[in-house]
Protein backbone atom coordinates (compact mmCIF):
# COMPACT_ATOMS: atom_id res chain seq x y z
CA MET A 1 -27.93 -12.99 -6.11
CA THR A 2 -31.66 -12.33 -6.51
CA HIS A 3 -32.35 -11.16 -10.04
CA LEU A 4 -34.18 -7.90 -10.59
CA ILE A 5 -37.88 -8.27 -11.39
CA ASP A 6 -38.85 -6.76 -14.72
CA THR A 7 -41.38 -3.95 -14.29
CA PRO A 8 -42.16 -1.05 -16.61
CA ARG A 9 -40.34 1.35 -14.28
CA ALA A 10 -37.30 -0.93 -13.90
CA ASP A 11 -37.23 -1.52 -17.65
CA ALA A 12 -37.32 2.23 -18.31
CA ALA A 13 -34.49 2.82 -15.82
CA ARG A 14 -32.36 0.21 -17.56
CA THR A 15 -33.14 1.73 -20.94
CA THR A 16 -31.82 5.16 -19.91
CA LEU A 17 -29.20 4.42 -17.26
CA ARG A 18 -27.63 1.22 -18.55
CA PRO A 19 -26.20 2.76 -21.79
CA PHE A 20 -24.67 5.57 -19.74
CA LEU A 21 -23.08 3.13 -17.28
CA LEU A 22 -21.91 1.00 -20.17
CA ARG A 23 -20.06 3.91 -21.80
CA MET A 24 -18.46 5.00 -18.52
CA HIS A 25 -17.37 1.44 -17.83
CA PHE A 26 -16.02 1.21 -21.38
CA TYR A 27 -13.96 4.40 -21.05
CA ALA A 28 -12.58 3.33 -17.68
CA GLY A 29 -11.58 -0.05 -19.07
CA LEU A 30 -10.19 1.21 -22.37
CA PHE A 31 -8.04 4.06 -21.07
CA VAL A 32 -7.25 3.02 -17.49
CA GLY A 33 -7.20 -0.75 -18.03
CA PRO A 34 -3.47 -0.85 -18.91
CA PHE A 35 -2.57 1.05 -15.72
CA ILE A 36 -4.72 -1.27 -13.60
CA PHE A 37 -3.18 -4.29 -15.33
CA VAL A 38 0.37 -3.10 -14.58
CA ALA A 39 -0.57 -2.35 -10.96
CA ALA A 40 -2.06 -5.85 -10.62
CA LEU A 41 0.99 -7.49 -12.20
CA THR A 42 3.53 -5.63 -10.06
CA GLY A 43 1.38 -6.18 -6.97
CA LEU A 44 1.28 -9.89 -7.77
CA LEU A 45 5.07 -10.01 -7.98
CA TYR A 46 5.41 -8.10 -4.71
CA VAL A 47 3.15 -10.35 -2.62
CA LEU A 48 4.68 -13.55 -4.00
CA THR A 49 8.31 -12.73 -3.33
CA PRO A 50 8.99 -12.54 0.45
CA GLN A 51 10.20 -16.14 0.43
CA ILE A 52 12.31 -15.50 -2.68
CA GLU A 53 13.89 -12.50 -0.99
CA THR A 54 14.70 -14.57 2.11
CA TRP A 55 16.43 -17.13 -0.10
CA LEU A 56 18.33 -14.52 -2.14
CA TYR A 57 19.81 -12.84 0.94
CA ARG A 58 20.11 -15.89 3.18
CA ASP A 59 23.83 -15.29 3.76
CA ALA A 60 23.12 -11.87 5.24
CA LEU A 61 19.99 -12.88 7.17
CA PHE A 62 21.16 -16.10 8.79
CA THR A 63 24.20 -17.44 10.62
CA ASP A 64 25.36 -20.84 11.86
CA SER A 65 27.14 -19.44 14.90
CA ALA A 66 26.11 -20.80 18.29
CA GLY A 67 26.81 -19.28 21.65
CA THR A 68 26.01 -16.28 23.80
CA PRO A 69 25.22 -13.12 21.80
CA ARG A 70 27.43 -10.11 22.41
CA SER A 71 25.91 -6.85 23.59
CA LEU A 72 24.05 -4.61 21.16
CA THR A 73 26.68 -1.96 21.81
CA ASP A 74 29.45 -4.32 20.67
CA GLN A 75 27.45 -5.28 17.60
CA ALA A 76 26.80 -1.66 16.65
CA ARG A 77 30.47 -0.74 17.10
CA ALA A 78 31.57 -3.71 15.01
CA ALA A 79 29.34 -2.46 12.22
CA ARG A 80 30.70 1.09 12.56
CA GLU A 81 34.28 -0.16 12.33
CA ALA A 82 33.52 -2.35 9.33
CA LEU A 83 31.74 0.46 7.51
CA GLY A 84 34.57 2.96 7.95
CA ALA A 85 32.37 5.74 6.57
CA ASP A 86 31.27 9.01 8.09
CA LEU A 87 27.72 7.82 8.66
CA ALA A 88 25.65 7.76 11.84
CA VAL A 89 23.98 4.72 13.34
CA SER A 90 20.31 5.62 13.14
CA ALA A 91 18.66 2.45 14.45
CA VAL A 92 19.29 -1.13 15.54
CA ARG A 93 17.08 -4.14 15.00
CA PRO A 94 18.25 -6.93 17.33
CA ALA A 95 18.31 -10.48 16.00
CA THR A 96 14.81 -11.94 16.25
CA GLY A 97 16.06 -15.35 17.32
CA PRO A 98 18.97 -17.81 17.27
CA GLY A 99 20.57 -18.14 13.86
CA ARG A 100 19.47 -14.63 12.84
CA THR A 101 21.62 -11.56 12.32
CA THR A 102 21.26 -8.12 13.88
CA ARG A 103 20.59 -5.16 11.61
CA ILE A 104 22.65 -2.02 12.27
CA MET A 105 21.07 0.77 10.23
CA PHE A 106 22.92 3.89 9.05
CA SER A 107 21.49 7.14 7.71
CA ASP A 108 22.97 7.81 4.29
CA PRO A 109 22.16 11.11 2.54
CA ALA A 110 22.87 9.43 -0.80
CA LEU A 111 19.87 7.14 -0.38
CA GLY A 112 16.20 7.91 -0.92
CA PRO A 113 13.52 8.59 1.69
CA SER A 114 12.98 5.70 4.11
CA GLU A 115 16.11 3.94 2.82
CA ASN A 116 18.94 2.96 5.14
CA ARG A 117 22.33 1.43 4.60
CA THR A 118 22.15 -1.67 6.76
CA LEU A 119 24.93 -3.94 7.97
CA PHE A 120 23.95 -7.45 9.06
CA VAL A 121 26.03 -8.53 12.05
CA ASP A 122 26.43 -11.99 13.53
CA PRO A 123 25.41 -11.48 17.20
CA VAL A 124 27.89 -14.11 18.42
CA THR A 125 31.04 -13.55 16.33
CA LEU A 126 30.43 -9.88 15.36
CA GLU A 127 31.14 -10.84 11.75
CA VAL A 128 29.48 -8.54 9.21
CA ARG A 129 27.45 -10.88 7.01
CA GLY A 130 26.02 -8.34 4.58
CA ASP A 131 25.84 -4.69 3.56
CA LEU A 132 22.50 -3.89 1.89
CA THR A 133 20.01 -1.07 1.45
CA THR A 134 16.81 -1.67 3.41
CA TYR A 135 13.56 0.18 2.95
CA GLY A 136 10.70 1.24 5.18
CA THR A 137 9.40 -0.11 8.44
CA SER A 138 9.08 -3.58 6.96
CA GLY A 139 12.83 -3.51 6.22
CA ILE A 140 12.54 -5.04 2.77
CA LEU A 141 15.75 -5.70 0.87
CA PRO A 142 16.82 -4.53 -2.62
CA PHE A 143 14.92 -7.20 -4.58
CA ARG A 144 11.52 -6.37 -3.10
CA THR A 145 12.35 -2.67 -2.90
CA THR A 146 12.63 -2.66 -6.69
CA LEU A 147 9.26 -4.42 -6.95
CA ASP A 148 7.76 -1.95 -4.50
CA TYR A 149 8.97 0.98 -6.60
CA LEU A 150 7.65 -0.74 -9.73
CA HIS A 151 4.25 -1.10 -8.10
CA ARG A 152 4.13 2.47 -6.83
CA ASN A 153 5.81 4.54 -9.54
CA MET A 154 7.26 2.31 -12.30
CA LEU A 155 10.75 3.47 -11.19
CA LEU A 156 9.89 6.99 -12.41
CA GLY A 157 9.95 8.82 -9.07
CA ASP A 158 7.14 11.07 -7.86
CA LEU A 159 5.84 11.63 -11.38
CA GLY A 160 5.40 7.91 -11.83
CA ARG A 161 3.21 7.69 -8.74
CA TYR A 162 0.38 9.18 -10.76
CA TYR A 163 0.15 5.90 -12.68
CA SER A 164 -0.73 3.93 -9.54
CA GLU A 165 -3.03 6.69 -8.29
CA LEU A 166 -4.84 6.67 -11.62
CA ALA A 167 -5.30 2.90 -11.32
CA ALA A 168 -6.50 3.06 -7.71
CA SER A 169 -8.80 6.03 -8.44
CA TRP A 170 -10.60 4.26 -11.28
CA LEU A 171 -10.53 0.67 -10.04
CA TRP A 172 -13.48 1.11 -7.70
CA VAL A 173 -15.42 3.03 -10.36
CA ALA A 174 -14.88 0.26 -12.90
CA VAL A 175 -15.79 -2.42 -10.33
CA LEU A 176 -19.02 -0.77 -9.20
CA GLY A 177 -20.01 0.01 -12.76
CA GLY A 178 -19.30 -3.56 -13.81
CA VAL A 179 -21.33 -5.00 -10.93
CA ALA A 180 -24.24 -2.71 -11.82
CA LEU A 181 -24.10 -3.82 -15.46
CA TRP A 182 -23.87 -7.46 -14.43
CA ALA A 183 -26.85 -7.14 -12.07
CA THR A 184 -29.07 -5.36 -14.61
CA GLY A 185 -28.04 -7.34 -17.68
CA PRO A 186 -30.05 -10.02 -19.43
CA ARG A 187 -29.93 -13.54 -17.99
CA ARG A 188 -29.27 -16.50 -20.23
CA ARG A 189 -29.54 -19.85 -18.52
CA ARG A 190 -27.05 -21.75 -20.66
CA ARG A 191 -24.02 -23.80 -19.86
CA LEU A 192 -20.70 -22.06 -20.28
CA ALA A 193 -19.50 -24.66 -22.78
CA GLU A 194 -22.61 -24.11 -24.92
CA MET A 195 -22.17 -20.34 -25.13
CA PRO A 196 -20.75 -18.79 -28.30
CA SER A 197 -17.31 -17.23 -27.81
CA PRO A 198 -18.44 -13.56 -27.54
CA GLN A 199 -21.09 -14.43 -24.96
CA ARG A 200 -18.67 -16.64 -23.05
CA ARG A 201 -16.11 -13.82 -22.85
CA ARG A 202 -18.77 -11.38 -21.59
CA TRP A 203 -19.91 -13.91 -18.99
CA LEU A 204 -16.40 -14.58 -17.74
CA HIS A 205 -15.51 -10.88 -17.71
CA GLY A 206 -18.58 -9.95 -15.68
CA THR A 207 -18.66 -12.95 -13.38
CA ILE A 208 -14.98 -12.87 -12.40
CA GLY A 209 -15.18 -9.12 -11.76
CA THR A 210 -18.33 -9.51 -9.66
CA VAL A 211 -16.92 -12.38 -7.58
CA LEU A 212 -13.77 -10.36 -6.85
CA SER A 213 -15.59 -7.03 -6.43
CA VAL A 214 -15.45 -6.79 -2.63
CA VAL A 215 -11.70 -7.44 -2.45
CA LEU A 216 -11.05 -5.16 -5.45
CA LEU A 217 -12.90 -2.32 -3.72
CA PHE A 218 -10.76 -2.95 -0.64
CA VAL A 219 -7.58 -2.85 -2.75
CA SER A 220 -8.67 0.40 -4.39
CA VAL A 221 -9.47 2.17 -1.11
CA THR A 222 -6.31 1.04 0.70
CA GLY A 223 -4.20 1.92 -2.33
CA LEU A 224 -5.59 5.46 -2.31
CA THR A 225 -4.48 5.98 1.29
CA TRP A 226 -0.83 6.35 0.20
CA SER A 227 -1.43 8.11 -3.14
CA GLN A 228 -0.18 11.66 -3.64
CA GLN A 229 -3.25 13.76 -4.36
CA GLY A 230 -6.05 11.54 -3.13
CA GLY A 231 -3.99 10.42 -0.14
CA ALA A 232 -3.48 14.05 0.90
CA ARG A 233 -7.26 14.57 0.81
CA ILE A 234 -7.78 11.42 2.87
CA ASP A 235 -5.18 12.52 5.44
CA ALA A 236 -6.82 15.93 5.74
CA LEU A 237 -10.22 14.33 6.29
CA ARG A 238 -8.82 11.98 8.90
CA GLY A 239 -7.27 14.93 10.71
CA GLN A 240 -10.56 16.80 10.78
CA LEU A 241 -12.44 13.75 12.05
CA GLY A 242 -9.80 12.88 14.65
CA TRP A 243 -8.86 9.58 12.99
CA VAL A 244 -5.11 10.21 13.18
CA THR A 245 -2.94 7.28 14.25
CA PRO A 246 -1.42 7.93 17.70
CA SER A 247 2.37 8.15 17.94
CA ALA A 248 4.92 8.34 20.74
CA SER A 249 6.65 11.68 21.06
CA ALA A 250 10.46 11.79 21.20
CA ALA A 251 10.37 15.28 22.69
CA LEU A 252 11.51 15.18 26.30
CA ASP A 253 9.26 18.11 27.20
CA GLY A 254 6.18 16.23 26.03
CA ALA A 255 5.69 18.30 22.90
CA ALA A 256 4.13 16.71 19.86
CA ASP A 257 6.40 14.72 17.61
CA PRO A 258 6.43 16.46 14.22
CA ALA A 259 7.21 13.18 12.46
CA GLY A 260 4.53 11.26 14.30
CA GLU A 261 2.50 9.63 11.58
CA HIS A 262 3.63 8.36 8.23
CA ALA A 263 2.00 6.35 5.51
CA GLY A 264 2.88 4.20 2.56
CA HIS A 265 4.38 0.82 1.80
CA GLY A 266 6.22 0.08 4.99
CA ASP A 267 5.57 3.50 6.58
CA HIS A 268 8.08 5.70 4.83
CA ALA A 269 9.63 7.68 7.69
CA ALA A 270 12.20 10.40 7.17
CA HIS A 271 15.93 9.93 7.65
CA MET A 272 17.45 10.46 11.04
CA SER A 273 20.23 12.94 11.74
CA HIS A 274 23.38 12.36 9.66
CA ASP A 275 25.85 13.63 12.30
CA PRO A 276 27.82 10.62 13.62
CA ALA A 277 29.39 12.51 16.50
CA ALA A 278 25.99 13.48 17.87
CA ARG A 279 25.07 9.85 18.39
CA GLU A 280 28.23 7.81 18.78
CA ASP A 281 28.22 8.24 22.55
CA ARG A 282 24.65 6.92 22.65
CA LEU A 283 25.69 3.44 21.53
CA GLU A 284 26.58 2.64 25.16
CA GLY A 285 22.91 2.83 26.09
CA LEU A 286 21.54 0.36 23.54
CA ASP A 287 21.24 -2.64 25.85
CA ALA A 288 19.82 -0.65 28.76
CA VAL A 289 17.20 0.95 26.50
CA ALA A 290 16.27 -2.44 25.03
CA GLY A 291 15.79 -3.78 28.57
CA ALA A 292 13.68 -0.79 29.55
CA ALA A 293 11.48 -1.28 26.48
CA ARG A 294 11.01 -4.97 27.31
CA ALA A 295 10.12 -4.06 30.87
CA GLY A 296 7.69 -1.47 29.50
CA GLY A 297 5.67 -4.08 27.61
CA LEU A 298 7.33 -4.45 24.19
CA ASP A 299 7.46 -8.22 23.94
CA SER A 300 7.73 -8.79 20.19
CA PRO A 301 11.09 -10.09 18.94
CA MET A 302 10.66 -7.66 16.02
CA MET A 303 11.89 -4.52 17.76
CA GLU A 304 13.66 -1.45 16.42
CA ILE A 305 15.67 0.93 18.62
CA ARG A 306 16.09 4.42 17.18
CA LEU A 307 19.02 6.38 18.53
CA PRO A 308 17.99 9.80 19.83
CA LYS A 309 18.80 13.19 18.46
CA PRO A 310 20.31 15.65 20.98
CA ASP A 311 17.88 16.48 23.78
CA GLN A 312 15.38 13.89 22.64
CA ALA A 313 14.27 10.48 23.83
CA TRP A 314 15.08 7.06 22.47
CA VAL A 315 12.21 5.64 20.42
CA VAL A 316 11.68 1.87 20.51
CA ARG A 317 8.97 0.30 18.41
CA GLU A 318 7.64 -3.07 17.38
CA TYR A 319 7.25 -3.76 13.66
CA ASP A 320 5.43 -7.10 13.53
CA ARG A 321 2.57 -6.48 11.06
CA SER A 322 1.22 -10.04 11.09
CA TRP A 323 -1.81 -11.13 13.09
CA PRO A 324 -2.07 -10.32 15.95
CA THR A 325 -0.48 -6.99 15.12
CA GLN A 326 2.33 -5.81 17.38
CA VAL A 327 3.28 -2.21 16.60
CA ASP A 328 3.53 -0.61 20.06
CA THR A 329 5.96 2.30 20.42
CA VAL A 330 7.59 3.83 23.51
CA ALA A 331 9.87 6.82 24.03
CA ILE A 332 12.53 6.43 26.73
CA ASN A 333 14.41 9.16 28.57
CA PRO A 334 18.16 8.65 27.87
CA ASP A 335 19.16 9.71 31.40
CA THR A 336 16.55 8.03 33.61
CA LEU A 337 15.45 5.19 31.26
CA ARG A 338 11.86 6.03 32.15
CA ILE A 339 9.15 5.83 29.50
CA THR A 340 8.10 9.38 28.64
CA SER A 341 5.54 8.64 25.94
CA ARG A 342 3.92 5.61 24.39
CA ALA A 343 1.47 4.58 21.68
CA ASP A 344 -0.04 1.14 22.22
CA PHE A 345 -1.93 -0.46 19.36
CA ALA A 346 -4.54 -1.79 21.79
CA ASP A 347 -5.45 1.82 22.65
CA PHE A 348 -5.91 2.93 19.03
CA THR A 349 -9.44 3.83 18.03
CA LEU A 350 -11.20 1.66 15.46
CA ILE A 351 -10.41 3.68 12.32
CA PRO A 352 -6.59 3.80 12.81
CA LYS A 353 -6.68 0.05 13.53
CA LEU A 354 -8.66 -0.62 10.36
CA ILE A 355 -6.26 1.51 8.33
CA ARG A 356 -3.26 -0.36 9.76
CA TRP A 357 -4.84 -3.75 9.09
CA GLY A 358 -6.05 -2.66 5.66
CA ILE A 359 -2.62 -1.54 4.47
CA ASP A 360 -0.96 -4.69 5.81
CA ALA A 361 -3.56 -6.94 4.18
CA HIS A 362 -3.09 -5.02 0.92
CA MET A 363 0.63 -5.79 1.13
CA GLY A 364 -0.03 -9.46 1.86
CA VAL A 365 1.63 -9.52 5.30
CA LEU A 366 -1.28 -9.51 7.77
CA PHE A 367 -2.16 -13.22 7.66
CA GLY A 368 1.01 -14.61 6.16
CA ILE A 369 0.79 -17.15 3.35
CA PRO A 370 -3.06 -17.21 3.20
CA ASN A 371 -2.99 -13.43 2.74
CA GLN A 372 -0.36 -13.77 0.02
CA ALA A 373 -2.41 -16.43 -1.75
CA LEU A 374 -5.61 -14.37 -1.64
CA MET A 375 -3.99 -11.22 -2.99
CA ALA A 376 -2.21 -13.21 -5.70
CA ALA A 377 -5.50 -14.83 -6.77
CA VAL A 378 -7.23 -11.45 -6.86
CA ALA A 379 -4.43 -9.93 -8.93
CA LEU A 380 -4.56 -12.83 -11.40
CA GLY A 381 -8.35 -12.62 -11.62
CA LEU A 382 -8.19 -8.88 -12.25
CA MET A 383 -5.66 -9.34 -15.04
CA VAL A 384 -7.82 -12.04 -16.66
CA THR A 385 -10.86 -9.76 -16.44
CA ILE A 386 -8.97 -6.94 -18.16
CA VAL A 387 -7.75 -9.25 -20.91
CA TYR A 388 -11.29 -10.49 -21.54
CA GLY A 389 -12.51 -6.89 -21.59
CA TYR A 390 -10.00 -5.90 -24.25
CA ARG A 391 -10.82 -9.02 -26.22
CA MET A 392 -14.49 -8.06 -26.18
CA TRP A 393 -13.68 -4.55 -27.38
CA TRP A 394 -11.36 -5.79 -30.11
CA THR A 395 -13.90 -8.18 -31.62
CA ARG A 396 -16.65 -5.53 -31.61
CA ARG A 397 -14.59 -2.46 -32.53
CA PRO A 398 -15.92 -2.06 -36.12
CA LYS A 399 -19.42 -1.43 -34.75
CA PRO A 400 -19.86 2.28 -33.88
CA ALA A 401 -20.84 2.70 -30.25
CA GLU A 402 -23.10 5.40 -28.90
CA PRO A 403 -21.12 8.32 -27.46
CA LEU A 404 -21.47 9.17 -23.81
CA TRP A 405 -23.16 12.52 -24.44
CA ALA A 406 -26.01 10.82 -26.29
CA SER A 407 -26.74 8.43 -23.42
CA TRP A 408 -26.36 11.36 -21.01
CA ARG A 409 -29.07 13.32 -22.81
CA ARG A 410 -31.56 10.50 -22.32
CA LEU A 411 -31.20 10.64 -18.54
CA SER A 412 -33.85 12.50 -16.58
CA PRO A 413 -32.93 16.02 -15.33
CA GLY A 414 -32.72 14.66 -11.79
CA GLN A 415 -30.34 11.91 -12.85
CA GLN A 416 -28.20 14.36 -14.82
CA LEU A 417 -27.95 16.68 -11.81
CA ALA A 418 -27.09 13.82 -9.47
CA TRP A 419 -24.36 12.45 -11.77
CA ALA A 420 -22.90 15.92 -12.34
CA ALA A 421 -22.78 16.62 -8.60
CA LEU A 422 -21.22 13.22 -7.92
CA ALA A 423 -18.58 13.76 -10.61
CA ALA A 424 -17.71 17.20 -9.21
CA ALA A 425 -17.42 15.87 -5.65
CA LEU A 426 -15.27 12.91 -6.70
CA GLY A 427 -13.13 15.16 -8.89
CA TRP A 428 -12.36 17.34 -5.88
CA ALA A 429 -11.76 14.44 -3.47
CA LEU A 430 -9.67 12.47 -6.00
CA PRO A 431 -7.99 15.02 -8.30
CA VAL A 432 -6.41 12.41 -10.57
CA LEU A 433 -9.84 10.88 -11.11
CA GLY A 434 -11.27 14.32 -11.88
CA VAL A 435 -8.60 15.25 -14.42
CA SER A 436 -8.79 11.91 -16.20
CA LEU A 437 -12.60 12.08 -16.26
CA ALA A 438 -12.39 15.48 -17.93
CA PHE A 439 -10.06 13.93 -20.50
CA PHE A 440 -12.52 11.09 -21.18
CA LEU A 441 -15.35 13.58 -21.68
CA ALA A 442 -13.24 15.65 -24.07
CA VAL A 443 -12.42 12.54 -26.10
CA ASP A 444 -16.10 11.63 -26.17
CA LEU A 445 -17.12 15.09 -27.38
CA LEU A 446 -14.49 15.09 -30.12
CA ARG A 447 -15.60 11.63 -31.16
CA GLY A 448 -19.20 12.77 -31.28
CA GLN A 449 -18.29 15.79 -33.40
CA ALA A 450 -16.34 13.60 -35.79
CA ALA A 451 -19.23 11.14 -36.06
CA ARG A 452 -21.68 13.94 -36.90
């Protein structure tokens, strides 16, 4: 990076603006650092564990049976008989290849949103190989579901989601502030081994954060898309700008599907109807609908068939989030087997495509193992940066630091107005950021009063 040239004007700007940025960066790191660290740690565990999950549940996922698979109808009925509970089959995911089991998914009111009770059926012998709770479009199993909940809400429900939103809301602020401080800071051309410990820690903290800054900004933005408060603002903006992800309508009259778009880890869709009698007679149509979907262009082995509610269409969708992405969806008339509505990923506009790719890359599934490795390295680097930041604060804590209000007063009136307007706009767009910023300012004012 080209270093800034020292001029009287640039030196004056650093003299007034740098202390202000330094205090804001300090508050973000001191108060929000633990939340960001936990989010990075749980995210690291999540992206590293798909292979572990496959090994843990290998008995349910795989089979040694060889031969001609039975019909999807037979497989679904075998699961219903084995379950023996008053639950409705909500969806079927056919085996993706030889040696794989079919997933028969049941709506269970006792489970949480986007959770299904899933029986894993051997396509050849109709043996039930497993009975597990699966979650979301990605169909993750209990081990990774727990890690997903840890990452999103620390197993504390909706209230706990504010922890991850706080981390995502401040991560980009801390990153941009750190990059600005790194770019405007003094340059010392010395070898790392020759630096004294405090200087070495500052160099590592700033350099690691700067190197990872682009990916960290990406993680922050994509994380905000499924947050509670900020995510609602983002969804509203997308709706106004027409950036909504297209969806296939299950309504036979062509009306809009009220559950069209969903967001979150694995696209957290709502439960299907819980009335078994309303759908049991539809099991006969599973194979015909699967054939109609294949004929209609759904060629991914990762296919999910959703049984229809009364007077609605079947919905068949692909769920392969790797590259190239295959997430086409079609709605099929149960009587004529004609496609009544469809949403093809190739026809999405650029923004919905970028959002889809961004979320999948954030989860480490878009490019497979390279994606997992990159996100793991970024998470580790972020945790190291936070540890170095706290180490720097701990070694310098006896020295009284200038409060934020003092550095604010040295800014020019134009700078003060610009920062105040920016804070107000960000506080409205990201409410958790706004509330926490108000808390930081209150702490700073109380600290200043105590110091005086």
